[in-house]
Amino acid sequence: MCLGIPGKIVERFEKNGLQMARVDIGGISREACLDYVPEAQIGEYCIIHVGFAISLLSESEAMETLELLRQIGAIEEELGPETT
């Protein structure tokens, strides 16, 4: 299954010419490319799909979605082991 997962942007940086972010996804840290949502700011929530932030959403939408994913057991399947 391949889902878009909501995460909170905790850091912005550039890597190999791309705008990137460190994103907190329910306590798990991942890197994501911000080139599709260049307006995204630290503290905002976005949908992450295959390493790309593809849209922004509210905190309440993000929390609701994360809870639903936990309930169906899909979040661990999508995230796999944590990377730093």
PDB file of N, CA and C in Angstrom:
ATOM      1  N   MET A   1       0.851  -1.168   0.000  1.00  0.00           N
ATOM      2  CA  MET A   1       0.000   0.000   0.000  1.00  0.00           C
ATOM      3  C   MET A   1       0.896   1.230   0.000  1.00  0.00           C
ATOM      4  N   CYS A   2       0.500   2.255  -0.674  1.00  0.00           N
ATOM      5  CA  CYS A   2       1.289   3.472  -0.738  1.00  0.00           C
ATOM      6  C   CYS A   2       0.380   4.649  -0.397  1.00  0.00           C
ATOM      7  N   LEU A   3       0.600   5.212   0.785  1.00  0.00           N
ATOM      8  CA  LEU A   3      -0.258   6.282   1.284  1.00  0.00           C
ATOM      9  C   LEU A   3       0.500   7.588   1.380  1.00  0.00           C
ATOM     10  N   GLY A   4      -0.241   8.682   1.408  1.00  0.00           N
ATOM     11  CA  GLY A   4       0.313   9.971   1.785  1.00  0.00           C
ATOM     12  C   GLY A   4       0.146  10.089   3.289  1.00  0.00           C
ATOM     13  N   ILE A   5       1.209  10.442   4.002  1.00  0.00           N
ATOM     14  CA  ILE A   5       1.215  10.503   5.460  1.00  0.00           C
ATOM     15  C   ILE A   5       1.398  11.960   5.891  1.00  0.00           C
ATOM     16  N   PRO A   6       0.582  12.453   6.834  1.00  0.00           N
ATOM     17  CA  PRO A   6       0.783  13.817   7.306  1.00  0.00           C
ATOM     18  C   PRO A   6       1.968  13.911   8.265  1.00  0.00           C
ATOM     19  N   GLY A   7       2.697  15.012   8.149  1.00  0.00           N
ATOM     20  CA  GLY A   7       3.829  15.259   9.043  1.00  0.00           C
ATOM     21  C   GLY A   7       4.008  16.736   9.284  1.00  0.00           C
ATOM     22  N   LYS A   8       4.671  17.058  10.395  1.00  0.00           N
ATOM     23  CA  LYS A   8       4.928  18.448  10.778  1.00  0.00           C
ATOM     24  C   LYS A   8       6.345  18.831  10.369  1.00  0.00           C
ATOM     25  N   ILE A   9       6.478  19.940   9.692  1.00  0.00           N
ATOM     26  CA  ILE A   9       7.783  20.435   9.260  1.00  0.00           C
ATOM     27  C   ILE A   9       8.506  21.013  10.478  1.00  0.00           C
ATOM     28  N   VAL A  10       9.671  20.452  10.799  1.00  0.00           N
ATOM     29  CA  VAL A  10      10.421  20.920  11.958  1.00  0.00           C
ATOM     30  C   VAL A  10      11.721  21.624  11.577  1.00  0.00           C
ATOM     31  N   GLU A  11      12.128  21.471  10.319  1.00  0.00           N
ATOM     32  CA  GLU A  11      13.355  22.111   9.842  1.00  0.00           C
ATOM     33  C   GLU A  11      13.296  22.227   8.330  1.00  0.00           C
ATOM     34  N   ARG A  12      13.836  23.312   7.801  1.00  0.00           N
ATOM     35  CA  ARG A  12      13.977  23.490   6.348  1.00  0.00           C
ATOM     36  C   ARG A  12      15.456  23.604   6.032  1.00  0.00           C
ATOM     37  N   PHE A  13      15.869  23.042   4.879  1.00  0.00           N
ATOM     38  CA  PHE A  13      17.263  23.145   4.453  1.00  0.00           C
ATOM     39  C   PHE A  13      17.351  22.854   2.960  1.00  0.00           C
ATOM     40  N   GLU A  14      18.503  23.104   2.395  1.00  0.00           N
ATOM     41  CA  GLU A  14      18.731  22.800   0.982  1.00  0.00           C
ATOM     42  C   GLU A  14      19.668  21.600   0.891  1.00  0.00           C
ATOM     43  N   LYS A  15      19.373  20.718  -0.055  1.00  0.00           N
ATOM     44  CA  LYS A  15      20.198  19.530  -0.272  1.00  0.00           C
ATOM     45  C   LYS A  15      20.260  19.260  -1.762  1.00  0.00           C
ATOM     46  N   ASN A  16      21.454  19.297  -2.322  1.00  0.00           N
ATOM     47  CA  ASN A  16      21.653  19.061  -3.757  1.00  0.00           C
ATOM     48  C   ASN A  16      20.764  19.959  -4.609  1.00  0.00           C
ATOM     49  N   GLY A  17      20.603  21.209  -4.188  1.00  0.00           N
ATOM     50  CA  GLY A  17      19.813  22.171  -4.951  1.00  0.00           C
ATOM     51  C   GLY A  17      18.308  22.062  -4.751  1.00  0.00           C
ATOM     52  N   LEU A  18      17.853  21.165  -3.888  1.00  0.00           N
ATOM     53  CA  LEU A  18      16.417  21.000  -3.623  1.00  0.00           C
ATOM     54  C   LEU A  18      16.065  21.582  -2.262  1.00  0.00           C
ATOM     55  N   GLN A  19      14.871  22.167  -2.163  1.00  0.00           N
ATOM     56  CA  GLN A  19      14.359  22.613  -0.876  1.00  0.00           C
ATOM     57  C   GLN A  19      13.840  21.386  -0.133  1.00  0.00           C
ATOM     58  N   MET A  20      14.365  21.158   1.067  1.00  0.00           N
ATOM     59  CA  MET A  20      14.064  19.961   1.827  1.00  0.00           C
ATOM     60  C   MET A  20      13.544  20.332   3.206  1.00  0.00           C
ATOM     61  N   ALA A  21      12.968  19.345   3.871  1.00  0.00           N
ATOM     62  CA  ALA A  21      12.498  19.528   5.239  1.00  0.00           C
ATOM     63  C   ALA A  21      12.758  18.272   6.038  1.00  0.00           C
ATOM     64  N   ARG A  22      12.966  18.459   7.326  1.00  0.00           N
ATOM     65  CA  ARG A  22      12.926  17.362   8.287  1.00  0.00           C
ATOM     66  C   ARG A  22      11.497  17.397   8.802  1.00  0.00           C
ATOM     67  N   VAL A  23      10.792  16.276   8.691  1.00  0.00           N
ATOM     68  CA  VAL A  23       9.369  16.206   9.013  1.00  0.00           C
ATOM     69  C   VAL A  23       9.162  15.191  10.136  1.00  0.00           C
ATOM     70  N   ASP A  24       8.358  15.581  11.125  1.00  0.00           N
ATOM     71  CA  ASP A  24       7.995  14.694  12.227  1.00  0.00           C
ATOM     72  C   ASP A  24       6.657  14.051  11.883  1.00  0.00           C
ATOM     73  N   ILE A  25       6.664  12.732  11.775  1.00  0.00           N
ATOM     74  CA  ILE A  25       5.456  11.980  11.437  1.00  0.00           C
ATOM     75  C   ILE A  25       5.122  11.100  12.631  1.00  0.00           C
ATOM     76  N   GLY A  26       4.304  11.616  13.510  1.00  0.00           N
ATOM     77  CA  GLY A  26       3.920  10.848  14.687  1.00  0.00           C
ATOM     78  C   GLY A  26       5.099  10.403  15.534  1.00  0.00           C
ATOM     79  N   GLY A  27       6.121  11.253  15.662  1.00  0.00           N
ATOM     80  CA  GLY A  27       7.292  10.923  16.459  1.00  0.00           C
ATOM     81  C   GLY A  27       8.431  10.302  15.679  1.00  0.00           C
ATOM     82  N   ILE A  28       8.237  10.047  14.402  1.00  0.00           N
ATOM     83  CA  ILE A  28       9.272   9.480  13.542  1.00  0.00           C
ATOM     84  C   ILE A  28       9.758  10.579  12.593  1.00  0.00           C
ATOM     85  N   SER A  29      11.065  10.711  12.471  1.00  0.00           N
ATOM     86  CA  SER A  29      11.654  11.771  11.667  1.00  0.00           C
ATOM     87  C   SER A  29      11.998  11.269  10.265  1.00  0.00           C
ATOM     88  N   ARG A  30      11.640  12.063   9.265  1.00  0.00           N
ATOM     89  CA  ARG A  30      11.937  11.747   7.861  1.00  0.00           C
ATOM     90  C   ARG A  30      12.330  13.028   7.123  1.00  0.00           C
ATOM     91  N   GLU A  31      13.082  12.875   6.037  1.00  0.00           N
ATOM     92  CA  GLU A  31      13.352  13.983   5.130  1.00  0.00           C
ATOM     93  C   GLU A  31      12.317  13.967   4.018  1.00  0.00           C
ATOM     94  N   ALA A  32      11.950  15.165   3.542  1.00  0.00           N
ATOM     95  CA  ALA A  32      11.015  15.264   2.428  1.00  0.00           C
ATOM     96  C   ALA A  32      11.381  16.472   1.571  1.00  0.00           C
ATOM     97  N   CYS A  33      11.191  16.334   0.292  1.00  0.00           N
ATOM     98  CA  CYS A  33      11.428  17.427  -0.651  1.00  0.00           C
ATOM     99  C   CYS A  33      10.234  18.385  -0.620  1.00  0.00           C
ATOM    100  N   LEU A  34      10.522  19.693  -0.552  1.00  0.00           N
ATOM    101  CA  LEU A  34       9.465  20.713  -0.499  1.00  0.00           C
ATOM    102  C   LEU A  34       9.220  21.402  -1.837  1.00  0.00           C
ATOM    103  N   ASP A  35       9.814  20.931  -2.911  1.00  0.00           N
ATOM    104  CA  ASP A  35       9.699  21.642  -4.184  1.00  0.00           C
ATOM    105  C   ASP A  35       8.257  21.749  -4.700  1.00  0.00           C
ATOM    106  N   TYR A  36       7.360  20.851  -4.305  1.00  0.00           N
ATOM    107  CA  TYR A  36       5.955  20.945  -4.728  1.00  0.00           C
ATOM    108  C   TYR A  36       5.153  21.907  -3.861  1.00  0.00           C
ATOM    109  N   VAL A  37       5.658  22.223  -2.675  1.00  0.00           N
ATOM    110  CA  VAL A  37       4.985  23.180  -1.765  1.00  0.00           C
ATOM    111  C   VAL A  37       6.027  24.157  -1.219  1.00  0.00           C
ATOM    112  N   PRO A  38       6.603  24.989  -2.088  1.00  0.00           N
ATOM    113  CA  PRO A  38       7.686  25.876  -1.652  1.00  0.00           C
ATOM    114  C   PRO A  38       7.256  26.893  -0.593  1.00  0.00           C
ATOM    115  N   GLU A  39       5.964  27.123  -0.462  1.00  0.00           N
ATOM    116  CA  GLU A  39       5.465  28.070   0.532  1.00  0.00           C
ATOM    117  C   GLU A  39       5.418  27.481   1.940  1.00  0.00           C
ATOM    118  N   ALA A  40       5.655  26.191   2.091  1.00  0.00           N
ATOM    119  CA  ALA A  40       5.573  25.502   3.384  1.00  0.00           C
ATOM    120  C   ALA A  40       6.579  26.090   4.366  1.00  0.00           C
ATOM    121  N   GLN A  41       6.128  26.252   5.619  1.00  0.00           N
ATOM    122  CA  GLN A  41       6.956  26.843   6.664  1.00  0.00           C
ATOM    123  C   GLN A  41       7.117  25.881   7.834  1.00  0.00           C
ATOM    124  N   ILE A  42       8.149  26.110   8.628  1.00  0.00           N
ATOM    125  CA  ILE A  42       8.361  25.336   9.851  1.00  0.00           C
ATOM    126  C   ILE A  42       7.113  25.468  10.721  1.00  0.00           C
ATOM    127  N   GLY A  43       6.662  24.344  11.260  1.00  0.00           N
ATOM    128  CA  GLY A  43       5.479  24.314  12.109  1.00  0.00           C
ATOM    129  C   GLY A  43       4.205  23.950  11.372  1.00  0.00           C
ATOM    130  N   GLU A  44       4.227  23.997  10.034  1.00  0.00           N
ATOM    131  CA  GLU A  44       3.051  23.619   9.250  1.00  0.00           C
ATOM    132  C   GLU A  44       3.046  22.114   9.001  1.00  0.00           C
ATOM    133  N   TYR A  45       1.876  21.604   8.650  1.00  0.00           N
ATOM    134  CA  TYR A  45       1.696  20.185   8.352  1.00  0.00           C
ATOM    135  C   TYR A  45       1.542  19.997   6.852  1.00  0.00           C
ATOM    136  N   CYS A  46       2.086  18.889   6.365  1.00  0.00           N
ATOM    137  CA  CYS A  46       1.995  18.578   4.945  1.00  0.00           C
ATOM    138  C   CYS A  46       1.782  17.081   4.776  1.00  0.00           C
ATOM    139  N   ILE A  47       1.299  16.720   3.599  1.00  0.00           N
ATOM    140  CA  ILE A  47       1.162  15.312   3.232  1.00  0.00           C
ATOM    141  C   ILE A  47       2.451  14.894   2.536  1.00  0.00           C
ATOM    142  N   ILE A  48       3.067  13.808   3.042  1.00  0.00           N
ATOM    143  CA  ILE A  48       4.301  13.275   2.469  1.00  0.00           C
ATOM    144  C   ILE A  48       3.957  12.006   1.693  1.00  0.00           C
ATOM    145  N   HIS A  49       4.397  11.973   0.443  1.00  0.00           N
ATOM    146  CA  HIS A  49       4.181  10.799  -0.405  1.00  0.00           C
ATOM    147  C   HIS A  49       5.482  10.513  -1.145  1.00  0.00           C
ATOM    148  N   VAL A  50       6.016   9.334  -0.968  1.00  0.00           N
ATOM    149  CA  VAL A  50       7.287   8.877  -1.550  1.00  0.00           C
ATOM    150  C   VAL A  50       8.393   9.930  -1.458  1.00  0.00           C
ATOM    151  N   GLY A  51       8.519  10.551  -0.289  1.00  0.00           N
ATOM    152  CA  GLY A  51       9.597  11.497  -0.047  1.00  0.00           C
ATOM    153  C   GLY A  51       9.337  12.924  -0.488  1.00  0.00           C
ATOM    154  N   PHE A  52       8.147  13.221  -0.964  1.00  0.00           N
ATOM    155  CA  PHE A  52       7.795  14.572  -1.400  1.00  0.00           C
ATOM    156  C   PHE A  52       6.626  15.099  -0.593  1.00  0.00           C
ATOM    157  N   ALA A  53       6.728  16.355  -0.165  1.00  0.00           N
ATOM    158  CA  ALA A  53       5.577  17.041   0.421  1.00  0.00           C
ATOM    159  C   ALA A  53       4.703  17.465  -0.760  1.00  0.00           C
ATOM    160  N   ILE A  54       3.459  16.999  -0.783  1.00  0.00           N
ATOM    161  CA  ILE A  54       2.620  17.262  -1.964  1.00  0.00           C
ATOM    162  C   ILE A  54       1.484  18.236  -1.702  1.00  0.00           C
ATOM    163  N   SER A  55       1.162  18.493  -0.423  1.00  0.00           N
ATOM    164  CA  SER A  55       0.126  19.487  -0.106  1.00  0.00           C
ATOM    165  C   SER A  55       0.211  19.835   1.366  1.00  0.00           C
ATOM    166  N   LEU A  56      -0.355  20.984   1.707  1.00  0.00           N
ATOM    167  CA  LEU A  56      -0.416  21.421   3.099  1.00  0.00           C
ATOM    168  C   LEU A  56      -1.788  21.099   3.667  1.00  0.00           C
ATOM    169  N   LEU A  57      -1.868  20.940   4.988  1.00  0.00           N
ATOM    170  CA  LEU A  57      -3.148  20.717   5.644  1.00  0.00           C
ATOM    171  C   LEU A  57      -3.076  21.269   7.058  1.00  0.00           C
ATOM    172  N   SER A  58      -4.225  21.391   7.688  1.00  0.00           N
ATOM    173  CA  SER A  58      -4.279  21.940   9.040  1.00  0.00           C
ATOM    174  C   SER A  58      -3.788  20.908  10.051  1.00  0.00           C
ATOM    175  N   GLU A  59      -3.453  21.385  11.241  1.00  0.00           N
ATOM    176  CA  GLU A  59      -3.019  20.483  12.307  1.00  0.00           C
ATOM    177  C   GLU A  59      -4.121  19.494  12.673  1.00  0.00           C
ATOM    178  N   SER A  60      -5.359  19.971  12.744  1.00  0.00           N
ATOM    179  CA  SER A  60      -6.458  19.068  13.111  1.00  0.00           C
ATOM    180  C   SER A  60      -6.659  17.979  12.065  1.00  0.00           C
ATOM    181  N   GLU A  61      -6.553  18.324  10.785  1.00  0.00           N
ATOM    182  CA  GLU A  61      -6.659  17.316   9.720  1.00  0.00           C
ATOM    183  C   GLU A  61      -5.517  16.304   9.827  1.00  0.00           C
ATOM    184  N   ALA A  62      -4.316  16.806  10.119  1.00  0.00           N
ATOM    185  CA  ALA A  62      -3.154  15.920  10.238  1.00  0.00           C
ATOM    186  C   ALA A  62      -3.323  14.947  11.397  1.00  0.00           C
ATOM    187  N   MET A  63      -3.752  15.449  12.561  1.00  0.00           N
ATOM    188  CA  MET A  63      -3.922  14.587  13.740  1.00  0.00           C
ATOM    189  C   MET A  63      -5.007  13.537  13.517  1.00  0.00           C
ATOM    190  N   GLU A  64      -6.104  13.941  12.898  1.00  0.00           N
ATOM    191  CA  GLU A  64      -7.194  13.008  12.611  1.00  0.00           C
ATOM    192  C   GLU A  64      -6.729  11.907  11.663  1.00  0.00           C
ATOM    193  N   THR A  65      -5.994  12.282  10.639  1.00  0.00           N
ATOM    194  CA  THR A  65      -5.504  11.310   9.663  1.00  0.00           C
ATOM    195  C   THR A  65      -4.499  10.350  10.298  1.00  0.00           C
ATOM    196  N   LEU A  66      -3.559  10.879  11.099  1.00  0.00           N
ATOM    197  CA  LEU A  66      -2.591  10.011  11.772  1.00  0.00           C
ATOM    198  C   LEU A  66      -3.290   9.012  12.689  1.00  0.00           C
ATOM    199  N   GLU A  67      -4.303   9.460  13.409  1.00  0.00           N
ATOM    200  CA  GLU A  67      -5.033   8.554  14.303  1.00  0.00           C
ATOM    201  C   GLU A  67      -5.739   7.456  13.509  1.00  0.00           C
ATOM    202  N   LEU A  68      -6.356   7.809  12.403  1.00  0.00           N
ATOM    203  CA  LEU A  68      -7.013   6.804  11.568  1.00  0.00           C
ATOM    204  C   LEU A  68      -6.008   5.793  11.018  1.00  0.00           C
ATOM    205  N   LEU A  69      -4.839   6.274  10.602  1.00  0.00           N
ATOM    206  CA  LEU A  69      -3.804   5.377  10.092  1.00  0.00           C
ATOM    207  C   LEU A  69      -3.301   4.439  11.183  1.00  0.00           C
ATOM    208  N   ARG A  70      -3.170   4.950  12.408  1.00  0.00           N
ATOM    209  CA  ARG A  70      -2.771   4.091  13.536  1.00  0.00           C
ATOM    210  C   ARG A  70      -3.828   3.021  13.795  1.00  0.00           C
ATOM    211  N   GLN A  71      -5.078   3.405  13.749  1.00  0.00           N
ATOM    212  CA  GLN A  71      -6.174   2.468  14.020  1.00  0.00           C
ATOM    213  C   GLN A  71      -6.186   1.303  13.036  1.00  0.00           C
ATOM    214  N   ILE A  72      -5.869   1.579  11.788  1.00  0.00           N
ATOM    215  CA  ILE A  72      -5.877   0.494  10.803  1.00  0.00           C
ATOM    216  C   ILE A  72      -4.509  -0.179  10.676  1.00  0.00           C
ATOM    217  N   GLY A  73      -3.523   0.302  11.449  1.00  0.00           N
ATOM    218  CA  GLY A  73      -2.205  -0.314  11.443  1.00  0.00           C
ATOM    219  C   GLY A  73      -1.374   0.000  10.219  1.00  0.00           C
ATOM    220  N   ALA A  74      -1.725   1.032   9.486  1.00  0.00           N
ATOM    221  CA  ALA A  74      -1.040   1.327   8.229  1.00  0.00           C
ATOM    222  C   ALA A  74       0.188   2.211   8.406  1.00  0.00           C
ATOM    223  N   ILE A  75       0.271   2.946   9.497  1.00  0.00           N
ATOM    224  CA  ILE A  75       1.368   3.910   9.612  1.00  0.00           C
ATOM    225  C   ILE A  75       2.723   3.223   9.715  1.00  0.00           C
ATOM    226  N   GLU A  76       2.841   2.167  10.516  1.00  0.00           N
ATOM    227  CA  GLU A  76       4.114   1.467  10.644  1.00  0.00           C
ATOM    228  C   GLU A  76       4.516   0.810   9.330  1.00  0.00           C
ATOM    229  N   GLU A  77       3.548   0.280   8.611  1.00  0.00           N
ATOM    230  CA  GLU A  77       3.808  -0.349   7.320  1.00  0.00           C
ATOM    231  C   GLU A  77       4.380   0.669   6.334  1.00  0.00           C
ATOM    232  N   GLU A  78       3.849   1.882   6.327  1.00  0.00           N
ATOM    233  CA  GLU A  78       4.301   2.910   5.396  1.00  0.00           C
ATOM    234  C   GLU A  78       5.652   3.491   5.775  1.00  0.00           C
ATOM    235  N   LEU A  79       5.911   3.676   7.061  1.00  0.00           N
ATOM    236  CA  LEU A  79       7.113   4.362   7.488  1.00  0.00           C
ATOM    237  C   LEU A  79       8.338   3.476   7.562  1.00  0.00           C
ATOM    238  N   GLY A  80       8.171   2.239   7.925  1.00  0.00           N
ATOM    239  CA  GLY A  80       9.325   1.359   8.074  1.00  0.00           C
ATOM    240  C   GLY A  80      10.242   1.850   9.165  1.00  0.00           C
ATOM    241  N   PRO A  81      11.517   1.426   9.192  1.00  0.00           N
ATOM    242  CA  PRO A  81      12.440   1.841  10.244  1.00  0.00           C
ATOM    243  C   PRO A  81      12.773   3.330  10.130  1.00  0.00           C
ATOM    244  N   GLU A  82      13.001   3.952  11.303  1.00  0.00           N
ATOM    245  CA  GLU A  82      13.326   5.384  11.333  1.00  0.00           C
ATOM    246  C   GLU A  82      14.696   5.640  10.744  1.00  0.00           C
ATOM    247  N   THR A  83      14.804   6.766  10.004  1.00  0.00           N
ATOM    248  CA  THR A  83      16.089   7.208   9.485  1.00  0.00           C
ATOM    249  C   THR A  83      16.402   8.559  10.103  1.00  0.00           C
ATOM    250  N   THR A  84      17.696   8.873  10.211  1.00  0.00           N
ATOM    251  CA  THR A  84      18.088  10.158  10.804  1.00  0.00           C
ATOM    252  C   THR A  84      18.877  10.975   9.835  1.00  0.00           C
TER     253      THR A  84
END
